[in-house]
C-alpha atoms as a PDB file:
ATOM      1  CA  MET A   1     -79.414   2.191  -3.975  1.00  0.00           C
ATOM      2  CA  ARG A   2     -80.898  -0.529  -1.763  1.00  0.00           C
ATOM      3  CA  ILE A   3     -78.850  -0.852   1.233  1.00  0.00           C
ATOM      4  CA  LEU A   4     -79.212  -3.492   3.894  1.00  0.00           C
ATOM      5  CA  ILE A   5     -77.916  -2.408   7.121  1.00  0.00           C
ATOM      6  CA  THR A   6     -77.334  -4.959   9.934  1.00  0.00           C
ATOM      7  CA  GLY A   7     -77.313  -3.962  13.651  1.00  0.00           C
ATOM      8  CA  ALA A   8     -79.418  -0.974  12.837  1.00  0.00           C
ATOM      9  CA  SER A   9     -80.518  -0.448  16.319  1.00  0.00           C
ATOM     10  CA  GLY A  10     -76.817   0.156  17.328  1.00  0.00           C
ATOM     11  CA  GLN A  11     -75.349   3.624  17.559  1.00  0.00           C
ATOM     12  CA  LEU A  12     -73.255   3.216  14.376  1.00  0.00           C
ATOM     13  CA  GLY A  13     -76.753   1.454  12.827  1.00  0.00           C
ATOM     14  CA  HIS A  14     -78.545   4.637  13.830  1.00  0.00           C
ATOM     15  CA  GLU A  15     -76.385   7.003  12.684  1.00  0.00           C
ATOM     16  CA  LEU A  16     -76.226   5.379   9.018  1.00  0.00           C
ATOM     17  CA  GLN A  17     -80.011   5.644   9.115  1.00  0.00           C
ATOM     18  CA  HIS A  18     -79.464   9.234   9.195  1.00  0.00           C
ATOM     19  CA  VAL A  19     -76.795   9.836   6.632  1.00  0.00           C
ATOM     20  CA  LEU A  20     -78.355   7.544   4.409  1.00  0.00           C
ATOM     21  CA  GLN A  21     -82.420   8.545   4.817  1.00  0.00           C
ATOM     22  CA  ASP A  22     -82.102   9.330   0.813  1.00  0.00           C
ATOM     23  CA  GLN A  23     -81.343   5.561   0.045  1.00  0.00           C
ATOM     24  CA  GLN A  24     -83.775   2.781  -0.096  1.00  0.00           C
ATOM     25  CA  LEU A  25     -82.946   1.114   3.570  1.00  0.00           C
ATOM     26  CA  THR A  26     -83.745  -2.500   4.717  1.00  0.00           C
ATOM     27  CA  LEU A  27     -82.914  -2.519   8.543  1.00  0.00           C
ATOM     28  CA  ALA A  28     -82.202  -5.804  10.002  1.00  0.00           C
ATOM     29  CA  ASP A  29     -81.621  -6.468  13.632  1.00  0.00           C
ATOM     30  CA  LEU A  30     -82.591  -9.060  16.162  1.00  0.00           C
ATOM     31  CA  PRO A  31     -84.442 -10.787  17.009  1.00  0.00           C
ATOM     32  CA  GLU A  32     -85.819 -11.247  13.434  1.00  0.00           C
ATOM     33  CA  PHE A  33     -82.377 -11.272  12.041  1.00  0.00           C
ATOM     34  CA  ASP A  34     -80.026 -13.499  14.144  1.00  0.00           C
ATOM     35  CA  VAL A  35     -76.425 -14.078  11.982  1.00  0.00           C
ATOM     36  CA  THR A  36     -76.206 -17.043  14.557  1.00  0.00           C
ATOM     37  CA  LYS A  37     -79.281 -18.552  12.590  1.00  0.00           C
ATOM     38  CA  ALA A  38     -79.357 -20.568   9.602  1.00  0.00           C
ATOM     39  CA  GLY A  39     -81.235 -19.193   6.661  1.00  0.00           C
ATOM     40  CA  VAL A  40     -79.548 -15.514   6.922  1.00  0.00           C
ATOM     41  CA  GLU A  41     -78.114 -15.961   3.734  1.00  0.00           C
ATOM     42  CA  LYS A  42     -81.709 -16.194   2.272  1.00  0.00           C
ATOM     43  CA  ARG A  43     -83.043 -13.342   4.011  1.00  0.00           C
ATOM     44  CA  VAL A  44     -79.923 -11.190   2.834  1.00  0.00           C
ATOM     45  CA  THR A  45     -80.473 -12.183  -0.974  1.00  0.00           C
ATOM     46  CA  ALA A  46     -84.407 -11.786  -0.524  1.00  0.00           C
ATOM     47  CA  ALA A  47     -83.971  -7.874   0.583  1.00  0.00           C
ATOM     48  CA  GLN A  48     -82.136  -7.927  -2.886  1.00  0.00           C
ATOM     49  CA  PRO A  49     -79.246  -5.448  -1.700  1.00  0.00           C
ATOM     50  CA  ASP A  50     -76.966  -3.501  -3.712  1.00  0.00           C
ATOM     51  CA  VAL A  51     -74.827  -3.258  -0.869  1.00  0.00           C
ATOM     52  CA  ILE A  52     -74.635  -4.252   3.015  1.00  0.00           C
ATOM     53  CA  ILE A  53     -73.368  -2.741   5.592  1.00  0.00           C
ATOM     54  CA  HIS A  54     -72.725  -5.240   8.175  1.00  0.00           C
ATOM     55  CA  ALA A  55     -72.292  -3.341  11.412  1.00  0.00           C
ATOM     56  CA  ALA A  56     -73.871  -6.059  13.860  1.00  0.00           C
ATOM     57  CA  ALA A  57     -71.363  -7.785  16.318  1.00  0.00           C
ATOM     58  CA  TYR A  58     -70.959  -9.055  19.499  1.00  0.00           C
ATOM     59  CA  THR A  59     -68.744  -5.833  21.216  1.00  0.00           C
ATOM     60  CA  ASP A  60     -68.573  -7.037  24.811  1.00  0.00           C
ATOM     61  CA  VAL A  61     -64.735  -7.043  24.723  1.00  0.00           C
ATOM     62  CA  ASP A  62     -64.346  -8.894  28.253  1.00  0.00           C
ATOM     63  CA  GLY A  63     -67.769 -10.689  27.978  1.00  0.00           C
ATOM     64  CA  ALA A  64     -66.294 -12.525  25.132  1.00  0.00           C
ATOM     65  CA  GLU A  65     -63.321 -13.997  27.260  1.00  0.00           C
ATOM     66  CA  ARG A  66     -66.578 -15.487  29.242  1.00  0.00           C
ATOM     67  CA  GLU A  67     -68.331 -16.559  25.890  1.00  0.00           C
ATOM     68  CA  PRO A  68     -65.686 -17.182  23.365  1.00  0.00           C
ATOM     69  CA  ALA A  69     -68.202 -19.633  21.495  1.00  0.00           C
ATOM     70  CA  GLN A  70     -71.005 -16.889  21.284  1.00  0.00           C
ATOM     71  CA  ALA A  71     -68.279 -13.949  20.259  1.00  0.00           C
ATOM     72  CA  MET A  72     -67.200 -16.338  17.365  1.00  0.00           C
ATOM     73  CA  ALA A  73     -70.697 -17.540  16.264  1.00  0.00           C
ATOM     74  CA  VAL A  74     -71.835 -13.827  15.873  1.00  0.00           C
ATOM     75  CA  ASN A  75     -68.406 -12.164  15.058  1.00  0.00           C
ATOM     76  CA  ALA A  76     -67.214 -15.121  12.189  1.00  0.00           C
ATOM     77  CA  VAL A  77     -69.555 -17.414  11.590  1.00  0.00           C
ATOM     78  CA  GLY A  78     -72.435 -14.601  11.455  1.00  0.00           C
ATOM     79  CA  THR A  79     -70.308 -12.663   9.412  1.00  0.00           C
ATOM     80  CA  GLU A  80     -69.693 -15.656   7.069  1.00  0.00           C
ATOM     81  CA  ARG A  81     -73.283 -15.910   6.780  1.00  0.00           C
ATOM     82  CA  VAL A  82     -73.775 -12.511   5.659  1.00  0.00           C
ATOM     83  CA  ALA A  83     -70.750 -12.803   3.020  1.00  0.00           C
ATOM     84  CA  ARG A  84     -72.344 -15.779   1.124  1.00  0.00           C
ATOM     85  CA  GLY A  85     -75.643 -14.015   1.132  1.00  0.00           C
ATOM     86  CA  ALA A  86     -73.953 -10.750  -0.215  1.00  0.00           C
ATOM     87  CA  ALA A  87     -72.245 -12.898  -2.877  1.00  0.00           C
ATOM     88  CA  ALA A  88     -75.260 -14.626  -3.503  1.00  0.00           C
ATOM     89  CA  ALA A  89     -77.074 -11.239  -4.174  1.00  0.00           C
ATOM     90  CA  GLY A  90     -74.245 -10.003  -6.184  1.00  0.00           C
ATOM     91  CA  ALA A  91     -74.182  -7.333  -3.648  1.00  0.00           C
ATOM     92  CA  ARG A  92     -71.222  -5.161  -2.014  1.00  0.00           C
ATOM     93  CA  LEU A  93     -70.162  -5.730   1.757  1.00  0.00           C
ATOM     94  CA  LEU A  94     -69.300  -3.437   3.948  1.00  0.00           C
ATOM     95  CA  TYR A  95     -67.816  -5.170   6.822  1.00  0.00           C
ATOM     96  CA  LEU A  96     -67.347  -3.266  10.110  1.00  0.00           C
ATOM     97  CA  SER A  97     -63.962  -4.486  12.182  1.00  0.00           C
ATOM     98  CA  THR A  98     -61.879  -3.123  15.008  1.00  0.00           C
ATOM     99  CA  ASP A  99     -58.643  -1.716  15.874  1.00  0.00           C
ATOM    100  CA  TYR A 100     -58.559  -5.028  18.559  1.00  0.00           C
ATOM    101  CA  VAL A 101     -57.169  -7.401  15.857  1.00  0.00           C
ATOM    102  CA  PHE A 102     -53.920  -5.961  16.620  1.00  0.00           C
ATOM    103  CA  ASP A 103     -51.429  -6.385  19.380  1.00  0.00           C
ATOM    104  CA  GLY A 104     -50.466  -2.870  19.882  1.00  0.00           C
ATOM    105  CA  ARG A 105     -46.683  -3.577  20.282  1.00  0.00           C
ATOM    106  CA  GLN A 106     -45.190  -1.481  17.019  1.00  0.00           C
ATOM    107  CA  GLY A 107     -45.397   1.885  18.200  1.00  0.00           C
ATOM    108  CA  VAL A 108     -46.586   3.432  15.112  1.00  0.00           C
ATOM    109  CA  PRO A 109     -49.761   4.045  13.262  1.00  0.00           C
ATOM    110  CA  TYR A 110     -51.186   0.144  11.777  1.00  0.00           C
ATOM    111  CA  ARG A 111     -51.286   0.154   8.036  1.00  0.00           C
ATOM    112  CA  GLU A 112     -53.821  -2.083   6.299  1.00  0.00           C
ATOM    113  CA  THR A 113     -51.177  -3.864   5.274  1.00  0.00           C
ATOM    114  CA  ASP A 114     -49.545  -4.686   8.642  1.00  0.00           C
ATOM    115  CA  ARG A 115     -50.391  -8.477  10.169  1.00  0.00           C
ATOM    116  CA  PRO A 116     -52.935  -8.732  12.710  1.00  0.00           C
ATOM    117  CA  ASN A 117     -52.051 -10.510  15.639  1.00  0.00           C
ATOM    118  CA  PRO A 118     -55.194  -9.837  18.413  1.00  0.00           C
ATOM    119  CA  LEU A 119     -54.944 -10.345  22.097  1.00  0.00           C
ATOM    120  CA  SER A 120     -58.317 -11.283  23.114  1.00  0.00           C
ATOM    121  CA  VAL A 121     -61.486 -13.502  21.858  1.00  0.00           C
ATOM    122  CA  TYR A 122     -63.161 -10.373  21.020  1.00  0.00           C
ATOM    123  CA  GLY A 123     -60.110  -9.349  18.759  1.00  0.00           C
ATOM    124  CA  ARG A 124     -59.956 -12.911  17.342  1.00  0.00           C
ATOM    125  CA  SER A 125     -63.514 -13.283  16.492  1.00  0.00           C
ATOM    126  CA  LYS A 126     -63.544  -9.804  14.525  1.00  0.00           C
ATOM    127  CA  TYR A 127     -59.947 -11.018  12.613  1.00  0.00           C
ATOM    128  CA  GLU A 128     -61.818 -14.101  11.407  1.00  0.00           C
ATOM    129  CA  GLY A 129     -64.706 -12.278  10.597  1.00  0.00           C
ATOM    130  CA  GLU A 130     -62.585 -10.195   8.664  1.00  0.00           C
ATOM    131  CA  GLN A 131     -61.088 -13.309   6.581  1.00  0.00           C
ATOM    132  CA  ARG A 132     -64.243 -14.569   6.190  1.00  0.00           C
ATOM    133  CA  ALA A 133     -65.824 -11.601   4.701  1.00  0.00           C
ATOM    134  CA  LEU A 134     -63.131 -11.121   2.123  1.00  0.00           C
ATOM    135  CA  ALA A 135     -63.050 -15.141   1.160  1.00  0.00           C
ATOM    136  CA  HIS A 136     -66.856 -15.666   0.814  1.00  0.00           C
ATOM    137  CA  CYS A 137     -67.934 -12.164  -1.041  1.00  0.00           C
ATOM    138  CA  PRO A 138     -65.563 -11.169  -4.141  1.00  0.00           C
ATOM    139  CA  ASN A 139     -66.919  -7.433  -3.315  1.00  0.00           C
ATOM    140  CA  ALA A 140     -65.949  -6.990  -0.018  1.00  0.00           C
ATOM    141  CA  LEU A 141     -64.562  -4.115   2.089  1.00  0.00           C
ATOM    142  CA  VAL A 142     -63.164  -4.373   5.654  1.00  0.00           C
ATOM    143  CA  ILE A 143     -63.548  -1.058   7.889  1.00  0.00           C
ATOM    144  CA  ARG A 144     -61.664  -1.032  10.569  1.00  0.00           C
ATOM    145  CA  THR A 145     -62.504   1.869  13.130  1.00  0.00           C
ATOM    146  CA  ALA A 146     -61.799   2.355  16.967  1.00  0.00           C
ATOM    147  CA  TRP A 147     -63.197   4.157  20.100  1.00  0.00           C
ATOM    148  CA  LEU A 148     -66.257   4.355  18.691  1.00  0.00           C
ATOM    149  CA  TYR A 149     -68.852   6.500  20.727  1.00  0.00           C
ATOM    150  CA  GLY A 150     -72.116   8.432  19.873  1.00  0.00           C
ATOM    151  CA  THR A 151     -75.813   8.908  21.086  1.00  0.00           C
ATOM    152  CA  HIS A 152     -77.051   5.709  21.224  1.00  0.00           C
ATOM    153  CA  GLY A 153     -75.717   2.656  23.228  1.00  0.00           C
ATOM    154  CA  LYS A 154     -72.850   2.230  25.852  1.00  0.00           C
ATOM    155  CA  ASN A 155     -69.735   3.850  25.157  1.00  0.00           C
ATOM    156  CA  PHE A 156     -66.966   5.496  27.028  1.00  0.00           C
ATOM    157  CA  VAL A 157     -67.666   9.351  26.319  1.00  0.00           C
ATOM    158  CA  LYS A 158     -71.154   8.453  27.794  1.00  0.00           C
ATOM    159  CA  THR A 159     -70.013   6.787  31.085  1.00  0.00           C
ATOM    160  CA  ILE A 160     -67.141   9.495  31.707  1.00  0.00           C
ATOM    161  CA  MET A 161     -69.826  11.932  31.392  1.00  0.00           C
ATOM    162  CA  ARG A 162     -72.251   9.687  33.875  1.00  0.00           C
ATOM    163  CA  GLN A 163     -69.476   9.326  36.152  1.00  0.00           C
ATOM    164  CA  ALA A 164     -68.377  13.009  36.176  1.00  0.00           C
ATOM    165  CA  SER A 165     -71.395  14.225  36.976  1.00  0.00           C
ATOM    166  CA  GLN A 166     -71.683  11.851  40.077  1.00  0.00           C
ATOM    167  CA  GLN A 167     -68.191  11.258  41.298  1.00  0.00           C
ATOM    168  CA  SER A 168     -65.604  13.623  42.774  1.00  0.00           C
ATOM    169  CA  GLU A 169     -62.786  11.580  41.300  1.00  0.00           C
ATOM    170  CA  LEU A 170     -62.258   8.977  38.207  1.00  0.00           C
ATOM    171  CA  ARG A 171     -59.551   6.686  37.733  1.00  0.00           C
ATOM    172  CA  VAL A 172     -58.910   6.117  33.935  1.00  0.00           C
ATOM    173  CA  VAL A 173     -56.197   4.075  32.492  1.00  0.00           C
ATOM    174  CA  SER A 174     -53.395   6.493  30.811  1.00  0.00           C
ATOM    175  CA  ASP A 175     -51.183   3.477  28.892  1.00  0.00           C
ATOM    176  CA  GLN A 176     -53.516   2.696  25.893  1.00  0.00           C
ATOM    177  CA  ARG A 177     -53.695   5.155  23.350  1.00  0.00           C
ATOM    178  CA  GLY A 178     -55.946   5.384  20.449  1.00  0.00           C
ATOM    179  CA  SER A 179     -58.344   7.394  18.179  1.00  0.00           C
ATOM    180  CA  PRO A 180     -61.671   8.135  19.388  1.00  0.00           C
ATOM    181  CA  THR A 181     -64.245   7.988  16.719  1.00  0.00           C
ATOM    182  CA  HIS A 182     -67.801   9.751  16.583  1.00  0.00           C
ATOM    183  CA  ALA A 183     -70.340   6.927  14.878  1.00  0.00           C
ATOM    184  CA  GLY A 184     -71.706  10.089  12.620  1.00  0.00           C
ATOM    185  CA  ASP A 185     -68.366  10.973  11.455  1.00  0.00           C
ATOM    186  CA  LEU A 186     -68.015   7.313  10.767  1.00  0.00           C
ATOM    187  CA  ALA A 187     -71.101   7.161   9.119  1.00  0.00           C
ATOM    188  CA  SER A 188     -70.966  10.201   6.900  1.00  0.00           C
ATOM    189  CA  ALA A 189     -67.400   8.417   6.048  1.00  0.00           C
ATOM    190  CA  ILE A 190     -69.071   5.153   5.048  1.00  0.00           C
ATOM    191  CA  LYS A 191     -71.714   7.076   2.793  1.00  0.00           C
ATOM    192  CA  GLN A 192     -68.402   8.413   1.064  1.00  0.00           C
ATOM    193  CA  VAL A 193     -66.731   5.177   0.610  1.00  0.00           C
ATOM    194  CA  LEU A 194     -70.142   4.192  -1.341  1.00  0.00           C
ATOM    195  CA  GLY A 195     -69.323   6.434  -3.984  1.00  0.00           C
ATOM    196  CA  THR A 196     -65.807   4.517  -4.383  1.00  0.00           C
ATOM    197  CA  ASN A 197     -64.450   1.200  -5.663  1.00  0.00           C
ATOM    198  CA  LEU A 198     -62.574   0.439  -2.395  1.00  0.00           C
ATOM    199  CA  LYS A 199     -62.136  -3.347  -1.785  1.00  0.00           C
ATOM    200  CA  GLY A 200     -60.130  -5.433   0.631  1.00  0.00           C
ATOM    201  CA  ILE A 201     -59.277  -3.602   3.946  1.00  0.00           C
ATOM    202  CA  VAL A 202     -59.330   0.384   4.755  1.00  0.00           C
ATOM    203  CA  HIS A 203     -59.295   2.225   8.347  1.00  0.00           C
ATOM    204  CA  ALA A 204     -61.409   4.663   9.292  1.00  0.00           C
ATOM    205  CA  THR A 205     -61.140   6.712  12.784  1.00  0.00           C
ATOM    206  CA  GLY A 206     -61.049   9.916  14.090  1.00  0.00           C
ATOM    207  CA  ALA A 207     -57.784  12.084  13.237  1.00  0.00           C
ATOM    208  CA  GLY A 208     -55.371  12.125  16.002  1.00  0.00           C
ATOM    209  CA  ASP A 209     -54.464  10.161  19.030  1.00  0.00           C
ATOM    210  CA  CYS A 210     -54.993  10.190  22.482  1.00  0.00           C
ATOM    211  CA  THR A 211     -54.893   7.983  25.846  1.00  0.00           C
ATOM    212  CA  TRP A 212     -58.353   7.083  27.705  1.00  0.00           C
ATOM    213  CA  TYR A 213     -56.757   9.406  30.403  1.00  0.00           C
ATOM    214  CA  GLU A 214     -56.592  12.193  28.015  1.00  0.00           C
ATOM    215  CA  LEU A 215     -59.717  11.304  26.535  1.00  0.00           C
ATOM    216  CA  ALA A 216     -61.804  11.793  29.576  1.00  0.00           C
ATOM    217  CA  ARG A 217     -59.823  15.006  30.935  1.00  0.00           C
ATOM    218  CA  GLU A 218     -61.006  16.586  27.960  1.00  0.00           C
ATOM    219  CA  ILE A 219     -64.590  15.565  28.650  1.00  0.00           C
ATOM    220  CA  VAL A 220     -64.476  16.629  32.020  1.00  0.00           C
ATOM    221  CA  SER A 221     -63.102  20.010  30.792  1.00  0.00           C
ATOM    222  CA  LEU A 222     -65.425  20.584  28.152  1.00  0.00           C
ATOM    223  CA  THR A 223     -68.323  19.572  30.604  1.00  0.00           C
ATOM    224  CA  GLY A 224     -67.415  21.987  32.955  1.00  0.00           C
ATOM    225  CA  SER A 225     -67.195  19.091  35.678  1.00  0.00           C
ATOM    226  CA  PRO A 226     -64.923  19.545  39.114  1.00  0.00           C
ATOM    227  CA  ALA A 227     -64.334  15.781  38.873  1.00  0.00           C
ATOM    228  CA  ARG A 228     -60.610  15.276  39.204  1.00  0.00           C
ATOM    229  CA  VAL A 229     -59.331  12.333  36.766  1.00  0.00           C
ATOM    230  CA  GLN A 230     -56.481  10.106  38.224  1.00  0.00           C
ATOM    231  CA  PRO A 231     -54.085   8.118  35.964  1.00  0.00           C
ATOM    232  CA  ILE A 232     -53.735   4.200  36.241  1.00  0.00           C
ATOM    233  CA  SER A 233     -52.279   1.773  34.507  1.00  0.00           C
ATOM    234  CA  THR A 234     -54.152  -1.008  32.629  1.00  0.00           C
ATOM    235  CA  ALA A 235     -53.154  -3.773  35.138  1.00  0.00           C
ATOM    236  CA  GLU A 236     -54.753  -1.715  37.858  1.00  0.00           C
ATOM    237  CA  SER A 237     -57.734  -1.358  35.876  1.00  0.00           C
ATOM    238  CA  GLY A 238     -58.772  -5.210  36.614  1.00  0.00           C
ATOM    239  CA  ARG A 239     -60.416  -5.595  33.262  1.00  0.00           C
ATOM    240  CA  THR A 240     -60.459  -9.269  31.953  1.00  0.00           C
ATOM    241  CA  ALA A 241     -59.364  -9.196  28.596  1.00  0.00           C
ATOM    242  CA  GLN A 242     -55.906  -8.120  27.425  1.00  0.00           C
ATOM    243  CA  ARG A 243     -56.183  -5.011  25.147  1.00  0.00           C
ATOM    244  CA  PRO A 244     -53.584  -3.353  22.539  1.00  0.00           C
ATOM    245  CA  LEU A 245     -51.726  -0.766  24.618  1.00  0.00           C
ATOM    246  CA  TYR A 246     -50.987   1.253  21.420  1.00  0.00           C
ATOM    247  CA  ALA A 247     -53.898   0.984  18.525  1.00  0.00           C
ATOM    248  CA  VAL A 248     -53.602   4.057  16.335  1.00  0.00           C
ATOM    249  CA  LEU A 249     -54.629   3.541  13.097  1.00  0.00           C
ATOM    250  CA  SER A 250     -53.487   4.718   9.823  1.00  0.00           C
ATOM    251  CA  ASN A 251     -55.853   6.313   7.781  1.00  0.00           C
ATOM    252  CA  ARG A 252     -53.909   6.607   4.536  1.00  0.00           C
ATOM    253  CA  VAL A 253     -56.229   4.615   2.078  1.00  0.00           C
ATOM    254  CA  LEU A 254     -58.895   6.495   3.008  1.00  0.00           C
ATOM    255  CA  ALA A 255     -57.292   9.973   2.593  1.00  0.00           C
ATOM    256  CA  ASP A 256     -55.920   8.679  -0.750  1.00  0.00           C
ATOM    257  CA  ALA A 257     -59.645   8.203  -1.771  1.00  0.00           C
ATOM    258  CA  GLY A 258     -60.371  11.793  -0.882  1.00  0.00           C
ATOM    259  CA  ILE A 259     -62.090  11.032   2.467  1.00  0.00           C
ATOM    260  CA  SER A 260     -60.886  11.711   5.860  1.00  0.00           C
ATOM    261  CA  LEU A 261     -62.953  12.379   9.422  1.00  0.00           C
ATOM    262  CA  PRO A 262     -62.660  15.015  11.617  1.00  0.00           C
ATOM    263  CA  HIS A 263     -59.786  15.431  14.606  1.00  0.00           C
ATOM    264  CA  TRP A 264     -60.944  13.760  17.381  1.00  0.00           C
ATOM    265  CA  LYS A 265     -61.219  17.201  19.591  1.00  0.00           C
ATOM    266  CA  ASP A 266     -63.353  18.686  17.276  1.00  0.00           C
ATOM    267  CA  ALA A 267     -65.681  15.727  17.040  1.00  0.00           C
ATOM    268  CA  LEU A 268     -65.966  15.230  20.795  1.00  0.00           C
ATOM    269  CA  SER A 269     -66.800  19.081  21.275  1.00  0.00           C
ATOM    270  CA  ARG A 270     -69.318  19.049  19.019  1.00  0.00           C
ATOM    271  CA  PHE A 271     -70.718  15.780  19.854  1.00  0.00           C
ATOM    272  CA  LEU A 272     -70.770  17.486  23.381  1.00  0.00           C
ATOM    273  CA  SER A 273     -72.283  20.194  22.382  1.00  0.00           C
ATOM    274  CA  GLN A 274     -75.108  18.166  20.795  1.00  0.00           C
ATOM    275  CA  VAL A 275     -75.929  16.470  23.644  1.00  0.00           C
ATOM    276  CA  LYS A 276     -76.169  19.754  26.104  1.00  0.00           C
ATOM    277  CA  VAL A 277     -78.961  21.307  23.610  1.00  0.00           C
ATOM    278  CA  GLU A 278     -80.732  17.779  23.355  1.00  0.00           C
ATOM    279  CA  VAL A 279     -80.649  17.542  27.378  1.00  0.00           C
ATOM    280  CA  GLU A 280     -82.207  21.315  27.673  1.00  0.00           C
ATOM    281  CA  ALA A 281     -84.471  20.692  24.781  1.00  0.00           C
ATOM    282  CA  LYS A 282     -86.357  18.148  27.098  1.00  0.00           C
END
């Protein structure tokens, strides 16, 4: 199978390269593959892919509030270009999206059929990307995930690990709830998705849910750090972009297809053990 991966150097892109190494991969990334530039459709069709996994995105949630045009150019307009290229190539398109398309006000896990209502520029740009992907590629699947972390790139887990090794006290938001998702587990789930005929929208996150505060406490506990974790409110965090307070996604559609991701606690423990081994090996 010929698979084109955009955002190949990101934390999910790296994991996709690993789990799909038995396939014929084309890795597309900046600066050569810029979805904000004209000609993307031709680059896509030239690769003659069977599948495109569109993981490239503008992911700075607070930065998007300052650069709304750039966020929209990458996440919405860029996605449309990739989708048009996929359609022209007769390829299947998998578009990675986010829990931030929801407002977090309903208090029960969001299903794929629930109506999005993004609170931030980032969320709106990703939701617009979803709509354009589905509108311009007849064989498109939107994969919404959440609270992604992994070995590569910046993420909450690595930030807490670093801060816990340098500070005696950490202040972490306790009123936002979601499902931490290991990038490696998501990549494995995506590989399984390739063996299905799923279309439309599917949710794919780690099983279970927690707050950022609870996640931070688990990280500190598993790493043996003496740092204390103090809960704070979203208002106290001083972040620019508004975030959903409840962003738990229901994975029922994925489960009905026979695909599941491990519980977030199991995934976190495995990830931290892996990181420890890699550090000790250096």
